[in-house]
Amino acid sequence: MKATLVTRSLLGAAAIATAALSYWVAAKRPDALAMAPVSGASTGHRPDKAAQRQEGQANPPAVPEASVGPDGAAAREGLAALRPPLSAESANDPFTVLSWLPPPPPPPPVVAPAPVPQPPPSAPALPFVYLGTLNPDAARPQVFISNGDRLLIVSPGEVVDGMYRFESIAATGALFTYLPLNQQQVMPVQGEGN
């Protein structure tokens, strides 16, 4: 039993020494592990030679990182310059959103639509209602019209309410002129013969 205990102790000490030595070597050369290619050795089997050739063709040799040395410091400074400056409030806020994406483009300028030209003014609808005609064949026939509750009797050439001038009457309608705009309007005539 004593020989077994001694053998196990020596094997344990050798394992501890091997682990300490490998840790010490790794601490002396930190970039050596980063440059080592990853292979199937960590999975517990040996890859065949065809797989190694394909891996060699597919993966170019590893390039050391620029994070070590003066170039790495310059790269870090360049990245820090790209980051937006932090305000005093956001420096202490753990939920501040930082993004490496470029800011969205500004919205396009709002172009005001061209003003719609106002249509030319037009005369309002005639406020009169045709009631009848006295002596339609005479040189100056008299036309009966109403404006609300008022009854008006007009002849050609007369001005009504200072806004309309009665021009003539025919079988199709009575012709009025709206004086402010000098526009003519026709009032339909509905009579016994029409």
N, C-alpha and C. Protein backbone atom coordinates (compact mmCIF):
# COMPACT_ATOMS: atom_id res chain seq x y z
N MET A 1 0.80 -1.17 0.00
CA MET A 1 0.00 0.00 0.00
C MET A 1 0.85 1.25 0.00
N LYS A 2 2.01 1.11 0.58
CA LYS A 2 2.89 2.24 0.63
C LYS A 2 3.44 2.59 -0.74
N ALA A 3 3.74 1.64 -1.55
CA ALA A 3 4.27 1.91 -2.89
C ALA A 3 3.22 2.58 -3.74
N THR A 4 1.98 2.20 -3.61
CA THR A 4 0.90 2.82 -4.38
C THR A 4 0.71 4.27 -3.96
N LEU A 5 0.80 4.55 -2.68
CA LEU A 5 0.64 5.91 -2.19
C LEU A 5 1.77 6.79 -2.68
N VAL A 6 2.97 6.27 -2.71
CA VAL A 6 4.12 7.04 -3.20
C VAL A 6 3.95 7.32 -4.69
N THR A 7 3.53 6.31 -5.45
CA THR A 7 3.34 6.49 -6.90
C THR A 7 2.27 7.54 -7.17
N ARG A 8 1.20 7.45 -6.44
CA ARG A 8 0.13 8.43 -6.65
C ARG A 8 0.57 9.83 -6.26
N SER A 9 1.33 9.95 -5.23
CA SER A 9 1.82 11.26 -4.80
C SER A 9 2.74 11.85 -5.86
N LEU A 10 3.64 11.01 -6.42
CA LEU A 10 4.55 11.50 -7.46
C LEU A 10 3.77 11.92 -8.71
N LEU A 11 2.77 11.13 -9.10
CA LEU A 11 1.96 11.49 -10.27
C LEU A 11 1.20 12.79 -10.02
N GLY A 12 0.67 12.99 -8.83
CA GLY A 12 -0.05 14.23 -8.50
C GLY A 12 0.88 15.42 -8.53
N ALA A 13 2.09 15.26 -7.98
CA ALA A 13 3.06 16.35 -7.98
C ALA A 13 3.48 16.67 -9.40
N ALA A 14 3.65 15.64 -10.25
CA ALA A 14 4.02 15.87 -11.65
C ALA A 14 2.90 16.62 -12.38
N ALA A 15 1.65 16.28 -12.10
CA ALA A 15 0.52 16.97 -12.75
C ALA A 15 0.46 18.42 -12.31
N ILE A 16 0.68 18.67 -11.03
CA ILE A 16 0.67 20.04 -10.53
C ILE A 16 1.82 20.83 -11.12
N ALA A 17 3.00 20.23 -11.21
CA ALA A 17 4.16 20.91 -11.79
C ALA A 17 3.92 21.21 -13.26
N THR A 18 3.31 20.27 -13.99
CA THR A 18 3.02 20.50 -15.41
C THR A 18 2.04 21.65 -15.58
N ALA A 19 1.01 21.69 -14.75
CA ALA A 19 0.03 22.77 -14.84
C ALA A 19 0.67 24.11 -14.51
N ALA A 20 1.50 24.15 -13.48
CA ALA A 20 2.15 25.40 -13.09
C ALA A 20 3.11 25.86 -14.18
N LEU A 21 3.85 24.94 -14.78
CA LEU A 21 4.79 25.29 -15.84
C LEU A 21 4.05 25.84 -17.06
N SER A 22 2.96 25.19 -17.44
CA SER A 22 2.22 25.68 -18.61
C SER A 22 1.59 27.04 -18.31
N TYR A 23 1.14 27.28 -17.09
CA TYR A 23 0.60 28.59 -16.74
C TYR A 23 1.70 29.64 -16.79
N TRP A 24 2.89 29.29 -16.31
CA TRP A 24 4.00 30.23 -16.30
C TRP A 24 4.42 30.58 -17.73
N VAL A 25 4.46 29.60 -18.63
CA VAL A 25 4.83 29.84 -20.02
C VAL A 25 3.77 30.71 -20.70
N ALA A 26 2.52 30.44 -20.41
CA ALA A 26 1.45 31.23 -21.01
C ALA A 26 1.48 32.67 -20.51
N ALA A 27 1.87 32.87 -19.26
CA ALA A 27 1.95 34.23 -18.72
C ALA A 27 3.10 35.00 -19.33
N LYS A 28 4.14 34.34 -19.72
CA LYS A 28 5.29 35.01 -20.34
C LYS A 28 4.96 35.44 -21.77
N ARG A 29 4.19 34.66 -22.52
CA ARG A 29 3.87 34.96 -23.93
C ARG A 29 2.34 34.93 -24.11
N PRO A 30 1.63 36.05 -23.83
CA PRO A 30 0.16 36.01 -23.93
C PRO A 30 -0.33 35.96 -25.38
N ASP A 31 0.44 36.51 -26.32
CA ASP A 31 0.00 36.50 -27.71
C ASP A 31 0.25 35.16 -28.39
N ALA A 32 1.00 34.26 -27.76
CA ALA A 32 1.28 32.97 -28.37
C ALA A 32 0.00 32.13 -28.44
N LEU A 33 -0.85 32.23 -27.44
CA LEU A 33 -2.09 31.47 -27.47
C LEU A 33 -3.08 32.06 -28.46
N ALA A 34 -3.05 33.36 -28.61
CA ALA A 34 -3.98 34.00 -29.54
C ALA A 34 -3.63 33.64 -30.98
N MET A 35 -2.34 33.41 -31.25
CA MET A 35 -1.92 33.10 -32.61
C MET A 35 -2.05 31.62 -32.93
N ALA A 36 -2.22 30.76 -31.92
CA ALA A 36 -2.30 29.33 -32.17
C ALA A 36 -3.60 29.01 -32.89
N PRO A 37 -3.52 28.25 -34.01
CA PRO A 37 -4.75 27.93 -34.75
C PRO A 37 -5.59 26.93 -33.97
N VAL A 38 -6.88 27.07 -34.10
CA VAL A 38 -7.80 26.15 -33.44
C VAL A 38 -7.91 24.92 -34.33
N SER A 39 -7.77 23.76 -33.74
CA SER A 39 -7.84 22.53 -34.52
C SER A 39 -8.75 21.55 -33.82
N GLY A 40 -8.88 20.39 -34.37
CA GLY A 40 -9.73 19.36 -33.80
C GLY A 40 -9.09 18.67 -32.61
N ALA A 41 -7.87 19.04 -32.20
CA ALA A 41 -7.19 18.38 -31.09
C ALA A 41 -7.95 18.57 -29.79
N SER A 42 -8.66 19.69 -29.64
CA SER A 42 -9.38 19.92 -28.40
C SER A 42 -10.63 19.05 -28.31
N THR A 43 -11.10 18.51 -29.43
CA THR A 43 -12.29 17.66 -29.40
C THR A 43 -11.94 16.21 -29.08
N GLY A 44 -10.67 15.86 -29.02
CA GLY A 44 -10.28 14.52 -28.62
C GLY A 44 -10.02 13.59 -29.77
N HIS A 45 -9.99 14.03 -30.99
CA HIS A 45 -9.67 13.15 -32.11
C HIS A 45 -8.69 13.88 -33.03
N ARG A 46 -8.02 13.10 -33.83
CA ARG A 46 -7.04 13.67 -34.76
C ARG A 46 -7.70 13.81 -36.12
N PRO A 47 -7.63 14.98 -36.72
CA PRO A 47 -8.22 15.13 -38.05
C PRO A 47 -7.35 14.46 -39.09
N ASP A 48 -7.97 13.99 -40.14
CA ASP A 48 -7.18 13.35 -41.19
C ASP A 48 -6.47 14.42 -42.03
N LYS A 49 -5.56 13.99 -42.89
CA LYS A 49 -4.73 14.93 -43.65
C LYS A 49 -5.55 15.72 -44.67
N ALA A 50 -6.59 15.12 -45.24
CA ALA A 50 -7.42 15.84 -46.21
C ALA A 50 -8.15 16.99 -45.52
N ALA A 51 -8.63 16.76 -44.30
CA ALA A 51 -9.32 17.82 -43.57
C ALA A 51 -8.35 18.94 -43.22
N GLN A 52 -7.09 18.58 -42.88
CA GLN A 52 -6.10 19.60 -42.57
C GLN A 52 -5.79 20.43 -43.80
N ARG A 53 -5.71 19.80 -44.98
CA ARG A 53 -5.45 20.56 -46.21
C ARG A 53 -6.60 21.52 -46.49
N GLN A 54 -7.84 21.03 -46.33
CA GLN A 54 -8.98 21.91 -46.59
C GLN A 54 -9.02 23.05 -45.59
N GLU A 55 -8.68 22.77 -44.35
CA GLU A 55 -8.67 23.82 -43.34
C GLU A 55 -7.60 24.84 -43.65
N GLY A 56 -6.47 24.37 -44.13
CA GLY A 56 -5.38 25.28 -44.48
C GLY A 56 -5.75 26.16 -45.66
N GLN A 57 -6.52 25.62 -46.61
CA GLN A 57 -6.93 26.43 -47.76
C GLN A 57 -8.05 27.40 -47.38
N ALA A 58 -8.96 26.97 -46.52
CA ALA A 58 -10.11 27.80 -46.20
C ALA A 58 -9.75 28.91 -45.23
N ASN A 59 -8.86 28.64 -44.29
CA ASN A 59 -8.52 29.63 -43.28
C ASN A 59 -7.12 30.17 -43.55
N PRO A 60 -6.98 31.42 -43.84
CA PRO A 60 -5.64 31.98 -44.00
C PRO A 60 -4.94 32.00 -42.65
N PRO A 61 -3.64 32.12 -42.64
CA PRO A 61 -2.93 32.14 -41.37
C PRO A 61 -3.38 33.31 -40.52
N ALA A 62 -3.37 33.07 -39.21
CA ALA A 62 -3.85 34.11 -38.29
C ALA A 62 -2.91 35.30 -38.30
N VAL A 63 -3.49 36.48 -38.19
CA VAL A 63 -2.73 37.73 -38.15
C VAL A 63 -2.80 38.23 -36.73
N PRO A 64 -1.69 38.63 -36.15
CA PRO A 64 -1.73 39.11 -34.77
C PRO A 64 -2.59 40.36 -34.65
N GLU A 65 -3.27 40.50 -33.51
CA GLU A 65 -4.13 41.64 -33.26
C GLU A 65 -3.29 42.89 -33.08
N ALA A 66 -3.87 44.03 -33.42
CA ALA A 66 -3.17 45.30 -33.28
C ALA A 66 -3.43 45.91 -31.92
N SER A 67 -4.06 45.14 -30.99
CA SER A 67 -4.39 45.70 -29.69
C SER A 67 -3.19 45.78 -28.77
N VAL A 68 -2.09 45.12 -29.12
CA VAL A 68 -0.91 45.15 -28.28
C VAL A 68 0.09 46.11 -28.92
N GLY A 69 0.62 47.00 -28.14
CA GLY A 69 1.62 47.92 -28.65
C GLY A 69 1.02 49.27 -29.01
N PRO A 70 1.84 50.13 -29.62
CA PRO A 70 1.39 51.49 -29.91
C PRO A 70 0.26 51.53 -30.95
N ASP A 71 0.24 50.55 -31.89
CA ASP A 71 -0.83 50.55 -32.88
C ASP A 71 -2.18 50.25 -32.23
N GLY A 72 -2.18 49.40 -31.23
CA GLY A 72 -3.42 49.08 -30.52
C GLY A 72 -3.97 50.28 -29.79
N ALA A 73 -3.11 51.09 -29.22
CA ALA A 73 -3.56 52.30 -28.54
C ALA A 73 -4.17 53.27 -29.53
N ALA A 74 -3.57 53.36 -30.72
CA ALA A 74 -4.12 54.26 -31.74
C ALA A 74 -5.48 53.76 -32.21
N ALA A 75 -5.62 52.44 -32.31
CA ALA A 75 -6.91 51.89 -32.73
C ALA A 75 -7.97 52.16 -31.69
N ARG A 76 -7.61 52.02 -30.40
CA ARG A 76 -8.57 52.30 -29.34
C ARG A 76 -8.96 53.77 -29.33
N GLU A 77 -8.00 54.66 -29.57
CA GLU A 77 -8.31 56.10 -29.61
C GLU A 77 -9.22 56.42 -30.79
N GLY A 78 -8.98 55.76 -31.91
CA GLY A 78 -9.85 55.97 -33.08
C GLY A 78 -11.27 55.52 -32.82
N LEU A 79 -11.41 54.37 -32.14
CA LEU A 79 -12.75 53.90 -31.80
C LEU A 79 -13.42 54.82 -30.79
N ALA A 80 -12.66 55.34 -29.84
CA ALA A 80 -13.23 56.25 -28.85
C ALA A 80 -13.68 57.55 -29.50
N ALA A 81 -12.98 57.98 -30.54
CA ALA A 81 -13.38 59.20 -31.24
C ALA A 81 -14.69 59.00 -31.99
N LEU A 82 -14.97 57.77 -32.41
CA LEU A 82 -16.23 57.50 -33.12
C LEU A 82 -17.43 57.48 -32.18
N ARG A 83 -17.20 57.16 -30.95
CA ARG A 83 -18.30 57.07 -29.99
C ARG A 83 -18.79 58.48 -29.66
N PRO A 84 -20.11 58.68 -29.55
CA PRO A 84 -20.62 60.02 -29.22
C PRO A 84 -20.20 60.39 -27.80
N PRO A 85 -19.97 61.68 -27.57
CA PRO A 85 -19.55 62.09 -26.22
C PRO A 85 -20.69 61.86 -25.23
N LEU A 86 -20.31 61.50 -24.02
CA LEU A 86 -21.30 61.24 -22.98
C LEU A 86 -21.54 62.50 -22.17
N SER A 87 -22.79 62.79 -21.87
CA SER A 87 -23.09 63.92 -21.01
C SER A 87 -22.87 63.47 -19.56
N ALA A 88 -22.92 64.42 -18.65
CA ALA A 88 -22.70 64.09 -17.24
C ALA A 88 -23.78 63.14 -16.74
N GLU A 89 -25.01 63.34 -17.22
CA GLU A 89 -26.10 62.47 -16.78
C GLU A 89 -25.95 61.07 -17.36
N SER A 90 -25.60 60.97 -18.64
CA SER A 90 -25.53 59.65 -19.26
C SER A 90 -24.29 58.88 -18.84
N ALA A 91 -23.26 59.55 -18.35
CA ALA A 91 -22.07 58.84 -17.89
C ALA A 91 -22.40 58.00 -16.65
N ASN A 92 -23.36 58.44 -15.85
CA ASN A 92 -23.73 57.71 -14.64
C ASN A 92 -24.95 56.84 -14.85
N ASP A 93 -25.55 56.87 -16.02
CA ASP A 93 -26.76 56.10 -16.29
C ASP A 93 -26.38 54.77 -16.92
N PRO A 94 -26.65 53.65 -16.25
CA PRO A 94 -26.27 52.36 -16.84
C PRO A 94 -27.16 51.95 -18.02
N PHE A 95 -28.26 52.65 -18.22
CA PHE A 95 -29.18 52.29 -19.29
C PHE A 95 -29.04 53.18 -20.52
N THR A 96 -27.98 53.96 -20.59
CA THR A 96 -27.75 54.81 -21.74
C THR A 96 -27.53 53.95 -22.97
N VAL A 97 -28.17 54.30 -24.05
CA VAL A 97 -28.06 53.53 -25.29
C VAL A 97 -26.93 54.12 -26.13
N LEU A 98 -25.97 53.29 -26.45
CA LEU A 98 -24.88 53.69 -27.32
C LEU A 98 -24.95 52.83 -28.57
N SER A 99 -24.71 53.45 -29.68
CA SER A 99 -24.79 52.72 -30.94
C SER A 99 -23.60 53.09 -31.80
N TRP A 100 -23.09 52.09 -32.50
CA TRP A 100 -21.99 52.33 -33.43
C TRP A 100 -22.52 52.66 -34.81
N LEU A 101 -23.82 52.58 -34.98
CA LEU A 101 -24.41 52.91 -36.27
C LEU A 101 -24.34 54.41 -36.50
N PRO A 102 -24.22 54.83 -37.74
CA PRO A 102 -24.22 56.28 -37.98
C PRO A 102 -25.59 56.85 -37.65
N PRO A 103 -25.64 58.13 -37.29
CA PRO A 103 -26.94 58.72 -36.97
C PRO A 103 -27.83 58.73 -38.20
N PRO A 104 -29.13 58.70 -38.00
CA PRO A 104 -30.02 58.71 -39.17
C PRO A 104 -29.90 60.03 -39.91
N PRO A 105 -30.13 60.02 -41.21
CA PRO A 105 -30.01 61.27 -41.97
C PRO A 105 -31.08 62.24 -41.52
N PRO A 106 -30.80 63.53 -41.64
CA PRO A 106 -31.81 64.51 -41.23
C PRO A 106 -33.03 64.41 -42.14
N PRO A 107 -34.18 64.76 -41.62
CA PRO A 107 -35.38 64.67 -42.46
C PRO A 107 -35.28 65.65 -43.62
N PRO A 108 -35.87 65.30 -44.74
CA PRO A 108 -35.80 66.21 -45.88
C PRO A 108 -36.51 67.51 -45.54
N PRO A 109 -36.04 68.61 -46.10
CA PRO A 109 -36.69 69.89 -45.80
C PRO A 109 -38.13 69.88 -46.30
N VAL A 110 -38.97 70.47 -45.50
CA VAL A 110 -40.38 70.53 -45.85
C VAL A 110 -40.58 71.65 -46.86
N VAL A 111 -41.05 71.26 -48.01
CA VAL A 111 -41.29 72.25 -49.05
C VAL A 111 -42.76 72.63 -48.98
N ALA A 112 -42.99 73.90 -48.76
CA ALA A 112 -44.37 74.36 -48.69
C ALA A 112 -44.98 74.30 -50.09
N PRO A 113 -46.16 73.73 -50.20
CA PRO A 113 -46.78 73.68 -51.52
C PRO A 113 -47.08 75.09 -52.01
N ALA A 114 -47.01 75.22 -53.30
CA ALA A 114 -47.31 76.52 -53.90
C ALA A 114 -48.75 76.90 -53.57
N PRO A 115 -48.96 78.16 -53.22
CA PRO A 115 -50.33 78.54 -52.88
C PRO A 115 -51.25 78.36 -54.08
N VAL A 116 -52.40 77.83 -53.79
CA VAL A 116 -53.38 77.59 -54.84
C VAL A 116 -53.97 78.94 -55.24
N PRO A 117 -53.91 79.27 -56.51
CA PRO A 117 -54.46 80.57 -56.91
C PRO A 117 -55.96 80.60 -56.64
N GLN A 118 -56.38 81.71 -56.11
CA GLN A 118 -57.80 81.87 -55.82
C GLN A 118 -58.59 81.96 -57.12
N PRO A 119 -59.71 81.27 -57.18
CA PRO A 119 -60.53 81.39 -58.39
C PRO A 119 -61.08 82.81 -58.49
N PRO A 120 -61.33 83.25 -59.68
CA PRO A 120 -61.86 84.61 -59.81
C PRO A 120 -63.20 84.70 -59.08
N PRO A 121 -63.47 85.83 -58.47
CA PRO A 121 -64.73 85.95 -57.73
C PRO A 121 -65.92 85.81 -58.67
N SER A 122 -66.95 85.22 -58.14
CA SER A 122 -68.16 85.05 -58.95
C SER A 122 -69.35 85.64 -58.20
N ALA A 123 -70.35 85.93 -58.93
CA ALA A 123 -71.55 86.53 -58.34
C ALA A 123 -72.29 85.50 -57.51
N PRO A 124 -72.89 85.92 -56.40
CA PRO A 124 -73.67 84.97 -55.61
C PRO A 124 -74.95 84.59 -56.34
N ALA A 125 -75.56 83.56 -55.87
CA ALA A 125 -76.82 83.12 -56.49
C ALA A 125 -77.87 84.22 -56.37
N LEU A 126 -78.73 84.28 -57.35
CA LEU A 126 -79.78 85.32 -57.34
C LEU A 126 -80.71 85.11 -56.15
N PRO A 127 -80.99 86.17 -55.40
CA PRO A 127 -81.89 86.02 -54.25
C PRO A 127 -83.37 86.17 -54.62
N PHE A 128 -83.65 86.27 -55.89
CA PHE A 128 -85.01 86.55 -56.33
C PHE A 128 -85.71 85.28 -56.81
N VAL A 129 -87.06 85.33 -56.73
CA VAL A 129 -87.90 84.25 -57.24
C VAL A 129 -88.87 84.90 -58.24
N TYR A 130 -88.96 84.33 -59.40
CA TYR A 130 -89.86 84.85 -60.45
C TYR A 130 -91.31 84.51 -60.08
N LEU A 131 -92.16 85.54 -60.18
CA LEU A 131 -93.57 85.33 -59.86
C LEU A 131 -94.46 85.45 -61.10
N GLY A 132 -94.12 86.37 -62.01
CA GLY A 132 -94.94 86.52 -63.21
C GLY A 132 -94.55 87.76 -63.99
N THR A 133 -95.25 87.98 -65.13
CA THR A 133 -94.95 89.11 -66.01
C THR A 133 -96.28 89.80 -66.37
N LEU A 134 -96.23 91.16 -66.43
CA LEU A 134 -97.38 91.94 -66.88
C LEU A 134 -96.99 92.58 -68.20
N ASN A 135 -97.80 92.39 -69.23
CA ASN A 135 -97.54 92.92 -70.57
C ASN A 135 -96.21 92.40 -71.12
N PRO A 136 -96.03 91.09 -71.35
CA PRO A 136 -94.75 90.57 -71.85
C PRO A 136 -94.42 91.05 -73.26
N ASP A 137 -95.39 91.48 -74.03
CA ASP A 137 -95.10 91.91 -75.40
C ASP A 137 -94.87 93.42 -75.47
N ALA A 138 -94.99 94.15 -74.40
CA ALA A 138 -94.81 95.61 -74.41
C ALA A 138 -93.33 95.95 -74.53
N ALA A 139 -93.03 97.23 -74.82
CA ALA A 139 -91.65 97.67 -74.94
C ALA A 139 -90.94 97.58 -73.59
N ARG A 140 -91.67 97.88 -72.52
CA ARG A 140 -91.10 97.77 -71.18
C ARG A 140 -92.01 96.87 -70.35
N PRO A 141 -91.81 95.56 -70.44
CA PRO A 141 -92.68 94.67 -69.66
C PRO A 141 -92.37 94.81 -68.17
N GLN A 142 -93.32 94.55 -67.34
CA GLN A 142 -93.13 94.58 -65.89
C GLN A 142 -93.04 93.13 -65.40
N VAL A 143 -92.03 92.87 -64.60
CA VAL A 143 -91.78 91.52 -64.09
C VAL A 143 -91.97 91.57 -62.57
N PHE A 144 -92.72 90.61 -62.06
CA PHE A 144 -92.96 90.50 -60.62
C PHE A 144 -91.98 89.46 -60.05
N ILE A 145 -91.16 89.92 -59.10
CA ILE A 145 -90.19 89.04 -58.42
C ILE A 145 -90.34 89.25 -56.92
N SER A 146 -89.88 88.27 -56.17
CA SER A 146 -89.90 88.43 -54.71
C SER A 146 -88.50 88.19 -54.17
N ASN A 147 -88.21 88.92 -53.09
CA ASN A 147 -86.94 88.75 -52.38
C ASN A 147 -87.33 88.54 -50.92
N GLY A 148 -87.43 87.30 -50.51
CA GLY A 148 -87.92 87.00 -49.16
C GLY A 148 -89.39 87.36 -49.07
N ASP A 149 -89.74 88.30 -48.16
CA ASP A 149 -91.13 88.72 -47.98
C ASP A 149 -91.48 89.92 -48.85
N ARG A 150 -90.54 90.49 -49.53
CA ARG A 150 -90.79 91.69 -50.34
C ARG A 150 -91.23 91.31 -51.74
N LEU A 151 -92.21 92.06 -52.26
CA LEU A 151 -92.66 91.90 -53.64
C LEU A 151 -92.11 93.07 -54.43
N LEU A 152 -91.41 92.78 -55.54
CA LEU A 152 -90.80 93.82 -56.36
C LEU A 152 -91.37 93.73 -57.77
N ILE A 153 -91.60 94.93 -58.37
CA ILE A 153 -92.03 95.01 -59.76
C ILE A 153 -90.94 95.77 -60.49
N VAL A 154 -90.27 95.10 -61.45
CA VAL A 154 -89.12 95.70 -62.14
C VAL A 154 -89.37 95.71 -63.64
N SER A 155 -88.71 96.68 -64.29
CA SER A 155 -88.73 96.80 -65.75
C SER A 155 -87.29 96.78 -66.22
N PRO A 156 -87.02 96.50 -67.53
CA PRO A 156 -85.64 96.49 -68.02
C PRO A 156 -84.93 97.82 -67.75
N GLY A 157 -83.67 97.71 -67.21
CA GLY A 157 -82.83 98.87 -66.92
C GLY A 157 -82.89 99.32 -65.48
N GLU A 158 -83.80 98.81 -64.67
CA GLU A 158 -83.93 99.23 -63.28
C GLU A 158 -82.92 98.47 -62.40
N VAL A 159 -82.45 99.18 -61.35
CA VAL A 159 -81.50 98.60 -60.38
C VAL A 159 -82.29 98.14 -59.17
N VAL A 160 -82.02 96.91 -58.73
CA VAL A 160 -82.71 96.32 -57.59
C VAL A 160 -81.72 96.18 -56.44
N ASP A 161 -82.05 96.74 -55.28
CA ASP A 161 -81.24 96.64 -54.05
C ASP A 161 -79.82 97.18 -54.25
N GLY A 162 -79.56 97.99 -55.24
CA GLY A 162 -78.24 98.57 -55.47
C GLY A 162 -77.19 97.56 -55.93
N MET A 163 -77.58 96.31 -56.14
CA MET A 163 -76.60 95.28 -56.52
C MET A 163 -76.90 94.64 -57.86
N TYR A 164 -78.16 94.60 -58.26
CA TYR A 164 -78.55 93.90 -59.48
C TYR A 164 -79.28 94.88 -60.41
N ARG A 165 -79.02 94.72 -61.67
CA ARG A 165 -79.77 95.48 -62.69
C ARG A 165 -80.53 94.47 -63.54
N PHE A 166 -81.84 94.73 -63.71
CA PHE A 166 -82.68 93.86 -64.53
C PHE A 166 -82.47 94.28 -65.98
N GLU A 167 -82.08 93.34 -66.85
CA GLU A 167 -81.76 93.65 -68.24
C GLU A 167 -82.93 93.35 -69.17
N SER A 168 -83.40 92.12 -69.16
CA SER A 168 -84.46 91.75 -70.10
C SER A 168 -85.13 90.46 -69.63
N ILE A 169 -86.22 90.11 -70.31
CA ILE A 169 -86.91 88.86 -70.04
C ILE A 169 -87.18 88.18 -71.37
N ALA A 170 -87.05 86.88 -71.40
CA ALA A 170 -87.32 86.09 -72.60
C ALA A 170 -88.07 84.84 -72.16
N ALA A 171 -88.38 83.99 -73.11
CA ALA A 171 -89.12 82.76 -72.78
C ALA A 171 -88.27 81.81 -71.94
N THR A 172 -86.92 81.90 -72.05
CA THR A 172 -86.04 80.99 -71.29
C THR A 172 -85.72 81.51 -69.90
N GLY A 173 -85.71 82.81 -69.66
CA GLY A 173 -85.39 83.31 -68.34
C GLY A 173 -85.24 84.82 -68.31
N ALA A 174 -85.11 85.35 -67.10
CA ALA A 174 -84.90 86.78 -66.90
C ALA A 174 -83.40 87.01 -66.71
N LEU A 175 -82.88 88.05 -67.36
CA LEU A 175 -81.44 88.33 -67.33
C LEU A 175 -81.17 89.47 -66.37
N PHE A 176 -80.28 89.21 -65.39
CA PHE A 176 -79.86 90.21 -64.42
C PHE A 176 -78.35 90.40 -64.54
N THR A 177 -77.85 91.59 -64.15
CA THR A 177 -76.41 91.86 -64.10
C THR A 177 -76.05 92.16 -62.65
N TYR A 178 -75.05 91.40 -62.12
CA TYR A 178 -74.53 91.66 -60.78
C TYR A 178 -73.54 92.80 -60.90
N LEU A 179 -73.87 93.98 -60.38
CA LEU A 179 -73.12 95.21 -60.64
C LEU A 179 -71.70 95.21 -60.05
N PRO A 180 -71.42 94.71 -58.83
CA PRO A 180 -70.03 94.79 -58.33
C PRO A 180 -69.02 94.07 -59.23
N LEU A 181 -69.42 92.96 -59.88
CA LEU A 181 -68.48 92.22 -60.73
C LEU A 181 -68.84 92.33 -62.21
N ASN A 182 -69.94 92.99 -62.51
CA ASN A 182 -70.42 93.15 -63.89
C ASN A 182 -70.59 91.77 -64.56
N GLN A 183 -71.17 90.83 -63.82
CA GLN A 183 -71.44 89.49 -64.35
C GLN A 183 -72.93 89.32 -64.57
N GLN A 184 -73.27 88.67 -65.66
CA GLN A 184 -74.68 88.45 -65.98
C GLN A 184 -75.13 87.08 -65.46
N GLN A 185 -76.38 87.05 -64.95
CA GLN A 185 -76.97 85.83 -64.42
C GLN A 185 -78.38 85.68 -64.99
N VAL A 186 -78.79 84.47 -65.21
CA VAL A 186 -80.11 84.19 -65.75
C VAL A 186 -80.95 83.51 -64.67
N MET A 187 -82.16 84.06 -64.46
CA MET A 187 -83.09 83.46 -63.52
C MET A 187 -84.12 82.68 -64.33
N PRO A 188 -84.29 81.39 -64.07
CA PRO A 188 -85.25 80.61 -64.87
C PRO A 188 -86.67 81.14 -64.68
N VAL A 189 -87.42 81.12 -65.78
CA VAL A 189 -88.80 81.60 -65.77
C VAL A 189 -89.70 80.40 -65.98
N GLN A 190 -90.60 80.19 -65.07
CA GLN A 190 -91.56 79.09 -65.20
C GLN A 190 -92.94 79.72 -65.28
N GLY A 191 -93.51 79.65 -66.44
CA GLY A 191 -94.84 80.24 -66.62
C GLY A 191 -95.78 79.23 -67.21
N GLU A 192 -96.96 79.71 -67.55
CA GLU A 192 -97.98 78.82 -68.09
C GLU A 192 -97.58 78.27 -69.45
N GLY A 193 -96.97 79.12 -70.29
CA GLY A 193 -96.62 78.68 -71.64
C GLY A 193 -95.31 77.92 -71.69
N ASN A 194 -94.54 77.90 -70.63
CA ASN A 194 -93.21 77.28 -70.65
C ASN A 194 -93.23 75.92 -70.03
